Amino acid sequence: MTRIEQIARKKERFIVGLMSGTSIDSIDAVVAKVRGSGISTSFKQIAFHSHRYPKGYKEYVLQNSHPGGGNVDAISSLNILISHFSADAVFAVIKKAGLSPAQIDLIGSHGQTIHHLPKSQNIFGKKIHSTLQIGDPSTIAKLTGIITVGNFRTGDMAVGGQGAPLVPFFDFVAFRSSKYNRALLNIGGIANITLIKKNCAIHDIIALDTGPGNMIIDVLMYHFFGRQFDRNGLVASRGNILPSLLKQLIQHPYFDLPLPKSTGREDFGDTFVKKILHISRGETKENIIATVTEFTALTIFDQYNRFLRKRLKRDTLHELIISGGGSHNSMIVESLKKLFFPATIVTSNDCGVDSESKEALCFALLANETVCGNAANIPSVTGASKRTILGTISL
């Protein structure tokens, strides 16, 4: 415990952030130099490394993530296995940074979400929200010799929140402005958007998961072509949007749910993809990819329009700042430019934050908040009853 106190008192800390997203293609690892805490936090990225998973791992995780598809033996093993992959990612990014493990103060690890149930349930007389991120933080700490903070989402859920999205805290620290109304859009497997009005306080932030980002595109690209994703949207660019399919997809009940809201593979996973394949029988592969690509862009705008735009009242959105793998899909970006006009569309790279490392950076900063004893959830985003310290500290 003395070591934690020493870290909290340091003027600057070297922290590794780890993120494994819905796409399950790699662990993103970043080394950041962090000064201060709370809204006065400043940071500098030192190194980034994308640690690829071995062949077949993604399919194995998905097999054990679908409702009714997993078993306790596999989930127990995966919980430790991903910790070993995480430790490998930590050592690789530290080496890239030109540092030694002894120079790293903390690791902040998101883990791998395999199930997310944000809606409250009554079970045996208790009203609960639940989520499960595998990748045991204690194992990572023992394998690396570095204090590790993990299990960030459950603390928010314990006080009535949905445990997601958590990125808005990072968005506020990194992108708040006294001049511009900004929306921060991260397009990973799931897409999430944060509205940060000019001169806003942290309790003014509104954010939500808009629905699928790259998730459906990636699954269908693998199904049709054996590829992990649609590089630069090239396949989508060769197809035509199918209005009847698009109309059916946007009728998913998630889009009508009120705030707060978060989602995942439970809503837009295997069952939803099977529905797409069923109702698009006879259509070309390119047309289907073009349609689900437009679906991603359209639902992002739809959810912004329904839930965030009114917060600006008579003011306008000045900038939409995009990050995540979807920022490299030209078809998504072009659709967003048309939908969000006249807002300027830029990537987080243009604002000094690497698009690929943004979420890993977020969990480095969240670990910093935990050790410094600061609440990092945002009740206006998650629906929690109060602000609270997130994460568990593993020595």
Protein backbone atom coordinates (compact mmCIF):
# COMPACT_ATOMS: atom_id res chain seq x y z
CA MET A 1 0.00 0.00 0.00
CA THR A 2 2.97 2.28 0.58
CA ARG A 3 3.87 1.90 -3.08
CA ILE A 4 0.39 3.10 -4.14
CA GLU A 5 0.72 6.16 -1.93
CA GLN A 6 4.13 6.90 -3.44
CA ILE A 7 2.70 6.65 -6.96
CA ALA A 8 -0.20 8.95 -6.08
CA ARG A 9 2.22 11.60 -4.78
CA LYS A 10 4.46 11.58 -7.86
CA LYS A 11 4.31 14.62 -10.13
CA GLU A 12 4.31 12.41 -13.19
CA ARG A 13 3.69 8.73 -13.75
CA PHE A 14 4.45 6.26 -16.54
CA ILE A 15 1.28 4.23 -17.14
CA VAL A 16 0.50 1.44 -19.59
CA GLY A 17 -3.07 1.39 -20.90
CA LEU A 18 -4.55 -1.80 -22.40
CA MET A 19 -7.68 -2.13 -24.52
CA SER A 20 -9.18 -5.19 -26.21
CA GLY A 21 -12.35 -4.21 -28.02
CA THR A 22 -15.38 -5.84 -29.56
CA SER A 23 -13.47 -6.64 -32.75
CA ILE A 24 -11.17 -9.03 -30.78
CA ASP A 25 -8.33 -8.67 -33.25
CA SER A 26 -5.60 -7.39 -30.94
CA ILE A 27 -4.72 -5.80 -27.61
CA ASP A 28 -3.91 -2.12 -28.04
CA ALA A 29 -1.19 -1.07 -25.60
CA VAL A 30 0.11 2.42 -24.95
CA VAL A 31 2.72 3.93 -22.65
CA ALA A 32 1.73 7.39 -21.47
CA LYS A 33 3.47 9.95 -19.29
CA VAL A 34 0.72 11.37 -17.08
CA ARG A 35 0.87 14.49 -14.90
CA GLY A 36 -1.73 15.49 -12.32
CA SER A 37 -5.22 14.03 -12.07
CA GLY A 38 -8.86 14.98 -12.51
CA ILE A 39 -9.67 17.75 -14.96
CA SER A 40 -6.13 19.13 -14.63
CA THR A 41 -4.62 15.90 -16.04
CA SER A 42 -2.12 16.25 -18.85
CA PHE A 43 -0.55 13.37 -20.75
CA LYS A 44 1.86 12.50 -23.50
CA GLN A 45 1.88 9.28 -25.49
CA ILE A 46 5.33 7.67 -25.46
CA ALA A 47 4.71 4.48 -27.45
CA PHE A 48 1.91 2.41 -28.97
CA HIS A 49 1.78 -1.29 -29.83
CA SER A 50 -0.99 -3.39 -31.32
CA HIS A 51 -0.48 -6.94 -30.07
CA ARG A 52 -2.17 -9.38 -32.44
CA TYR A 53 -4.01 -12.40 -31.08
CA PRO A 54 -3.09 -15.86 -32.42
CA LYS A 55 -5.09 -17.38 -35.25
CA GLY A 56 -8.37 -18.89 -34.07
CA TYR A 57 -8.48 -16.92 -30.80
CA LYS A 58 -11.16 -14.48 -31.96
CA GLU A 59 -13.46 -17.30 -33.02
CA TYR A 60 -12.92 -19.08 -29.71
CA VAL A 61 -13.81 -15.96 -27.72
CA LEU A 62 -16.90 -15.34 -29.84
CA GLN A 63 -17.99 -18.94 -29.39
CA ASN A 64 -17.95 -18.37 -25.63
CA SER A 65 -19.52 -14.90 -25.75
CA HIS A 66 -22.82 -15.66 -27.47
CA PRO A 67 -25.81 -16.29 -25.19
CA GLY A 68 -26.01 -20.02 -24.54
CA GLY A 69 -22.74 -20.60 -26.39
CA GLY A 70 -20.16 -20.54 -23.62
CA ASN A 71 -19.16 -22.92 -20.89
CA VAL A 72 -17.56 -22.26 -17.52
CA ASP A 73 -14.40 -24.26 -18.30
CA ALA A 74 -13.64 -22.19 -21.40
CA ILE A 75 -14.48 -18.85 -19.77
CA SER A 76 -12.32 -19.67 -16.74
CA SER A 77 -9.40 -20.54 -19.00
CA LEU A 78 -9.89 -17.49 -21.23
CA ASN A 79 -9.88 -15.22 -18.19
CA ILE A 80 -6.29 -16.25 -17.47
CA LEU A 81 -5.19 -16.71 -21.08
CA ILE A 82 -5.94 -13.12 -22.04
CA SER A 83 -4.00 -11.99 -18.97
CA HIS A 84 -0.94 -13.74 -20.41
CA PHE A 85 -1.50 -12.05 -23.80
CA SER A 86 -1.92 -8.76 -21.95
CA ALA A 87 1.40 -9.22 -20.15
CA ASP A 88 3.07 -9.88 -23.51
CA ALA A 89 1.54 -6.65 -24.85
CA VAL A 90 2.81 -4.75 -21.80
CA PHE A 91 6.39 -5.94 -22.24
CA ALA A 92 6.28 -5.22 -25.99
CA VAL A 93 5.07 -1.63 -25.62
CA ILE A 94 7.49 -0.91 -22.76
CA LYS A 95 10.36 -2.08 -24.95
CA LYS A 96 9.06 0.11 -27.78
CA ALA A 97 9.06 3.07 -25.40
CA GLY A 98 12.70 2.47 -24.54
CA LEU A 99 11.84 1.93 -20.89
CA SER A 100 12.14 -0.94 -18.41
CA PRO A 101 9.26 -2.52 -16.47
CA ALA A 102 10.71 -1.04 -13.27
CA GLN A 103 10.04 2.44 -14.66
CA ILE A 104 6.32 1.79 -15.16
CA ASP A 105 4.11 2.86 -12.28
CA LEU A 106 0.77 1.36 -13.29
CA ILE A 107 -1.15 -0.68 -15.80
CA GLY A 108 -4.78 0.16 -16.60
CA SER A 109 -6.51 -2.78 -18.30
CA HIS A 110 -9.99 -2.81 -19.77
CA GLY A 111 -10.01 -6.56 -20.34
CA GLN A 112 -12.17 -8.31 -22.93
CA THR A 113 -15.92 -7.91 -22.65
CA ILE A 114 -17.64 -11.23 -23.23
CA HIS A 115 -21.05 -10.24 -21.88
CA HIS A 116 -22.72 -6.95 -21.07
CA LEU A 117 -26.19 -6.75 -19.47
CA PRO A 118 -26.80 -3.05 -18.71
CA LYS A 119 -30.54 -3.34 -18.12
CA SER A 120 -31.47 -3.99 -14.50
CA GLN A 121 -32.68 -7.47 -13.61
CA ASN A 122 -34.44 -8.78 -10.52
CA ILE A 123 -32.75 -11.99 -9.41
CA PHE A 124 -33.49 -13.65 -6.07
CA GLY A 125 -34.86 -10.40 -4.72
CA LYS A 126 -31.90 -8.26 -5.81
CA LYS A 127 -31.97 -5.63 -8.55
CA ILE A 128 -28.67 -5.80 -10.43
CA HIS A 129 -26.81 -4.65 -13.55
CA SER A 130 -23.99 -6.89 -14.76
CA THR A 131 -21.06 -7.07 -17.12
CA LEU A 132 -18.10 -9.42 -17.53
CA GLN A 133 -14.64 -8.41 -18.71
CA ILE A 134 -12.15 -11.27 -18.68
CA GLY A 135 -8.41 -10.78 -18.30
CA ASP A 136 -7.74 -11.09 -14.58
CA PRO A 137 -5.89 -7.95 -13.35
CA SER A 138 -4.18 -9.83 -10.51
CA THR A 139 -2.62 -12.24 -13.00
CA ILE A 140 -1.39 -9.34 -15.15
CA ALA A 141 0.13 -7.73 -12.05
CA LYS A 142 1.95 -10.93 -11.05
CA LEU A 143 3.21 -11.67 -14.57
CA THR A 144 4.55 -8.14 -15.12
CA GLY A 145 5.49 -7.10 -11.58
CA ILE A 146 3.50 -3.88 -12.11
CA ILE A 147 0.47 -2.72 -10.08
CA THR A 148 -2.58 -3.24 -12.30
CA VAL A 149 -5.98 -1.58 -12.21
CA GLY A 150 -8.86 -3.39 -13.90
CA ASN A 151 -12.58 -4.17 -13.66
CA PHE A 152 -13.51 -0.54 -14.26
CA ARG A 153 -17.14 -1.04 -15.29
CA THR A 154 -18.56 -2.88 -12.29
CA GLY A 155 -18.06 0.01 -9.85
CA ASP A 156 -20.37 2.22 -11.90
CA MET A 157 -22.90 -0.61 -12.16
CA ALA A 158 -22.86 -1.09 -8.39
CA VAL A 159 -24.29 2.43 -8.00
CA GLY A 160 -26.97 1.93 -10.64
CA GLY A 161 -25.06 2.81 -13.82
CA GLN A 162 -24.70 0.87 -17.05
CA GLY A 163 -20.92 0.67 -16.73
CA ALA A 164 -20.51 2.23 -20.17
CA PRO A 165 -19.44 4.22 -21.97
CA LEU A 166 -16.38 5.20 -19.90
CA VAL A 167 -14.46 6.99 -22.68
CA PRO A 168 -16.32 10.32 -22.07
CA PHE A 169 -14.05 11.04 -19.09
CA PHE A 170 -11.06 10.90 -21.42
CA ASP A 171 -12.92 12.93 -24.05
CA PHE A 172 -13.55 15.67 -21.51
CA VAL A 173 -9.93 15.77 -20.33
CA ALA A 174 -8.46 15.71 -23.85
CA PHE A 175 -10.92 17.63 -26.03
CA ARG A 176 -12.93 20.18 -24.03
CA SER A 177 -12.88 23.65 -25.55
CA SER A 178 -13.87 27.20 -24.69
CA LYS A 179 -14.66 27.97 -28.34
CA TYR A 180 -16.17 24.90 -30.00
CA ASN A 181 -19.05 22.50 -29.53
CA ARG A 182 -17.53 19.11 -30.19
CA ALA A 183 -18.80 15.58 -30.58
CA LEU A 184 -16.28 12.78 -30.07
CA LEU A 185 -17.09 9.66 -32.06
CA ASN A 186 -15.23 6.40 -31.57
CA ILE A 187 -16.03 3.74 -34.17
CA GLY A 188 -14.79 0.43 -32.83
CA GLY A 189 -16.83 -2.76 -32.85
CA ILE A 190 -19.50 -0.66 -31.17
CA ALA A 191 -19.72 3.08 -31.91
CA ASN A 192 -20.06 5.62 -29.11
CA ILE A 193 -20.44 9.38 -29.22
CA THR A 194 -19.81 12.08 -26.61
CA LEU A 195 -21.13 15.64 -26.78
CA ILE A 196 -18.88 18.24 -25.16
CA LYS A 197 -20.37 21.69 -25.42
CA LYS A 198 -18.03 24.67 -25.25
CA ASN A 199 -17.24 25.68 -21.67
CA CYS A 200 -19.13 22.69 -20.27
CA ALA A 201 -18.52 21.13 -16.87
CA ILE A 202 -17.99 17.40 -16.49
CA HIS A 203 -21.56 16.89 -15.23
CA ASP A 204 -22.87 18.45 -18.47
CA ILE A 205 -21.44 15.67 -20.64
CA ILE A 206 -23.87 13.43 -22.50
CA ALA A 207 -22.77 10.27 -24.29
CA LEU A 208 -24.14 6.96 -25.51
CA ASP A 209 -23.40 3.89 -27.55
CA THR A 210 -25.02 4.55 -30.94
CA GLY A 211 -25.06 0.89 -32.00
CA PRO A 212 -22.76 -1.20 -34.16
CA GLY A 213 -19.60 0.38 -35.50
CA ASN A 214 -17.35 -2.04 -37.40
CA MET A 215 -18.79 -5.17 -35.80
CA ILE A 216 -21.34 -6.20 -38.43
CA ILE A 217 -19.14 -5.12 -41.35
CA ASP A 218 -16.25 -7.21 -40.02
CA VAL A 219 -18.35 -10.32 -39.41
CA LEU A 220 -19.89 -10.19 -42.89
CA MET A 221 -16.53 -9.49 -44.54
CA TYR A 222 -15.18 -12.64 -42.92
CA HIS A 223 -18.31 -14.60 -43.85
CA PHE A 224 -18.24 -13.54 -47.52
CA PHE A 225 -14.55 -13.01 -48.27
CA GLY A 226 -12.52 -14.52 -45.42
CA ARG A 227 -11.14 -11.05 -44.60
CA GLN A 228 -11.04 -9.46 -41.15
CA PHE A 229 -12.39 -6.06 -42.30
CA ASP A 230 -13.22 -3.91 -45.34
CA ARG A 231 -9.98 -2.04 -45.89
CA ASN A 232 -10.74 1.63 -46.55
CA GLY A 233 -14.34 0.67 -47.42
CA LEU A 234 -13.30 -0.64 -50.83
CA VAL A 235 -15.85 -3.47 -50.95
CA ALA A 236 -18.65 -1.16 -49.82
CA SER A 237 -17.66 1.34 -52.53
CA ARG A 238 -18.37 -1.31 -55.19
CA GLY A 239 -21.89 -1.98 -53.95
CA ASN A 240 -25.24 -0.21 -53.84
CA ILE A 241 -27.30 0.44 -50.71
CA LEU A 242 -30.36 -1.79 -50.39
CA PRO A 243 -33.17 0.49 -49.10
CA SER A 244 -35.45 -2.36 -47.99
CA LEU A 245 -32.68 -4.03 -45.95
CA LEU A 246 -31.59 -0.72 -44.45
CA LYS A 247 -35.17 0.08 -43.45
CA GLN A 248 -35.51 -3.21 -41.58
CA LEU A 249 -32.17 -2.86 -39.80
CA ILE A 250 -32.90 0.59 -38.39
CA GLN A 251 -36.07 -0.79 -36.76
CA HIS A 252 -33.99 -2.56 -34.10
CA PRO A 253 -35.52 -1.67 -30.70
CA TYR A 254 -32.20 -0.46 -29.27
CA PHE A 255 -32.42 2.77 -31.23
CA ASP A 256 -35.67 3.77 -29.51
CA LEU A 257 -34.40 3.18 -25.97
CA PRO A 258 -34.03 6.32 -23.83
CA LEU A 259 -30.79 7.46 -22.21
CA PRO A 260 -28.70 6.21 -20.53
CA LYS A 261 -27.94 3.42 -22.96
CA SER A 262 -25.11 1.10 -23.91
CA THR A 263 -24.99 -1.98 -26.06
CA GLY A 264 -22.80 -4.77 -27.38
CA ARG A 265 -22.74 -8.17 -29.00
CA GLU A 266 -25.84 -9.17 -27.02
CA ASP A 267 -27.91 -6.84 -29.26
CA PHE A 268 -25.92 -6.82 -32.50
CA GLY A 269 -24.09 -10.14 -32.52
CA ASP A 270 -24.71 -13.51 -34.09
CA THR A 271 -28.52 -13.40 -34.05
CA PHE A 272 -28.62 -10.01 -35.73
CA VAL A 273 -26.14 -11.07 -38.42
CA LYS A 274 -28.19 -14.20 -39.17
CA LYS A 275 -31.21 -11.94 -39.64
CA ILE A 276 -29.27 -9.83 -42.14
CA LEU A 277 -28.20 -12.91 -44.10
CA HIS A 278 -31.77 -14.24 -44.12
CA ILE A 279 -33.50 -11.10 -45.39
CA SER A 280 -30.77 -10.29 -47.94
CA ARG A 281 -30.74 -13.68 -49.67
CA GLY A 282 -30.12 -13.29 -53.40
CA GLU A 283 -28.40 -9.91 -53.07
CA THR A 284 -24.75 -9.42 -54.01
CA LYS A 285 -22.10 -9.50 -51.31
CA GLU A 286 -20.97 -6.00 -52.23
CA ASN A 287 -24.50 -4.60 -51.89
CA ILE A 288 -24.89 -6.16 -48.44
CA ILE A 289 -21.55 -4.73 -47.27
CA ALA A 290 -22.47 -1.31 -48.70
CA THR A 291 -25.79 -1.41 -46.84
CA VAL A 292 -24.43 -2.38 -43.41
CA THR A 293 -21.70 0.25 -43.84
CA GLU A 294 -24.36 2.90 -44.44
CA PHE A 295 -26.29 1.44 -41.51
CA THR A 296 -23.36 2.24 -39.20
CA ALA A 297 -23.16 5.86 -40.38
CA LEU A 298 -26.92 6.36 -40.38
CA THR A 299 -27.44 5.03 -36.86
CA ILE A 300 -24.62 7.23 -35.53
CA PHE A 301 -26.37 10.29 -36.92
CA ASP A 302 -29.81 9.06 -35.89
CA GLN A 303 -28.76 8.64 -32.26
CA TYR A 304 -26.94 11.99 -32.24
CA ASN A 305 -30.00 13.65 -33.77
CA ARG A 306 -32.42 12.07 -31.30
CA PHE A 307 -30.50 12.39 -28.05
CA LEU A 308 -27.65 14.91 -28.30
CA ARG A 309 -28.53 17.61 -30.80
CA LYS A 310 -31.23 19.15 -28.61
CA ARG A 311 -28.61 19.73 -25.88
CA LEU A 312 -27.08 22.41 -28.10
CA LYS A 313 -30.41 24.27 -28.18
CA ARG A 314 -30.00 26.92 -30.89
CA ASP A 315 -26.24 26.55 -31.15
CA THR A 316 -24.53 24.37 -33.75
CA LEU A 317 -22.09 21.47 -33.66
CA HIS A 318 -18.72 22.79 -34.81
CA GLU A 319 -16.60 19.62 -34.95
CA LEU A 320 -17.12 15.87 -35.14
CA ILE A 321 -13.85 14.24 -34.08
CA ILE A 322 -13.58 10.58 -35.16
CA SER A 323 -11.35 7.82 -33.81
CA GLY A 324 -11.19 4.03 -33.92
CA GLY A 325 -10.90 1.60 -36.81
CA GLY A 326 -13.97 3.03 -38.52
CA SER A 327 -12.16 6.34 -39.05
CA HIS A 328 -10.20 4.52 -41.79
CA ASN A 329 -13.35 3.42 -43.65
CA SER A 330 -13.81 6.09 -46.32
CA MET A 331 -17.44 5.10 -46.98
CA ILE A 332 -18.41 5.62 -43.34
CA VAL A 333 -16.54 8.92 -43.19
CA GLU A 334 -18.08 10.23 -46.42
CA SER A 335 -21.58 9.39 -45.20
CA LEU A 336 -20.89 11.14 -41.89
CA LYS A 337 -19.69 14.26 -43.71
CA LYS A 338 -23.01 14.48 -45.54
CA LEU A 339 -25.13 13.68 -42.50
CA PHE A 340 -23.36 16.04 -40.07
CA PHE A 341 -22.90 18.96 -42.47
CA PRO A 342 -21.99 21.77 -41.78
CA ALA A 343 -19.91 20.42 -38.87
CA THR A 344 -16.22 19.92 -39.68
CA ILE A 345 -15.21 16.23 -39.70
CA VAL A 346 -11.69 15.53 -38.43
CA THR A 347 -9.89 12.60 -36.84
CA SER A 348 -8.49 12.65 -33.33
CA ASN A 349 -5.03 12.53 -34.97
CA ASP A 350 -5.71 16.04 -36.24
CA CYS A 351 -6.26 17.07 -32.60
CA GLY A 352 -3.08 15.46 -31.29
CA VAL A 353 -4.50 12.15 -30.05
CA ASP A 354 -3.65 8.99 -32.01
CA SER A 355 -6.91 7.49 -33.28
CA GLU A 356 -5.68 3.94 -32.81
CA SER A 357 -4.50 4.40 -29.24
CA LYS A 358 -7.31 6.59 -27.88
CA GLU A 359 -9.16 3.87 -25.95
CA ALA A 360 -5.95 2.42 -24.52
CA LEU A 361 -4.99 5.94 -23.42
CA CYS A 362 -8.39 6.24 -21.78
CA PHE A 363 -7.73 3.26 -19.52
CA ALA A 364 -4.28 4.55 -18.64
CA LEU A 365 -5.94 7.76 -17.43
CA LEU A 366 -8.71 5.86 -15.63
CA ALA A 367 -6.05 3.87 -13.74
CA ASN A 368 -4.42 7.17 -12.81
CA GLU A 369 -7.74 8.44 -11.39
CA THR A 370 -8.22 5.26 -9.36
CA VAL A 371 -4.83 5.44 -7.68
CA CYS A 372 -5.26 9.16 -7.04
CA GLY A 373 -8.59 8.46 -5.34
CA ASN A 374 -10.77 10.31 -7.85
CA ALA A 375 -14.19 9.37 -9.19
CA ALA A 376 -14.07 8.87 -12.97
CA ASN A 377 -17.55 7.77 -13.95
CA ILE A 378 -20.00 10.37 -15.29
CA PRO A 379 -23.56 9.78 -14.00
CA SER A 380 -25.09 11.92 -16.75
CA VAL A 381 -23.67 9.37 -19.19
CA THR A 382 -24.09 6.02 -17.43
CA GLY A 383 -27.14 6.72 -15.27
CA ALA A 384 -25.29 6.01 -12.03
CA SER A 385 -26.76 7.48 -8.85
CA LYS A 386 -23.47 9.18 -7.98
CA ARG A 387 -19.84 9.64 -9.00
CA THR A 388 -17.57 6.89 -7.74
CA ILE A 389 -14.01 5.61 -7.91
CA LEU A 390 -13.70 2.91 -10.56
CA GLY A 391 -11.59 -0.23 -10.77
CA THR A 392 -9.88 -2.74 -8.55
CA ILE A 393 -6.18 -2.42 -7.70
CA SER A 394 -4.10 -5.59 -7.96
CA LEU A 395 -0.71 -5.53 -6.25
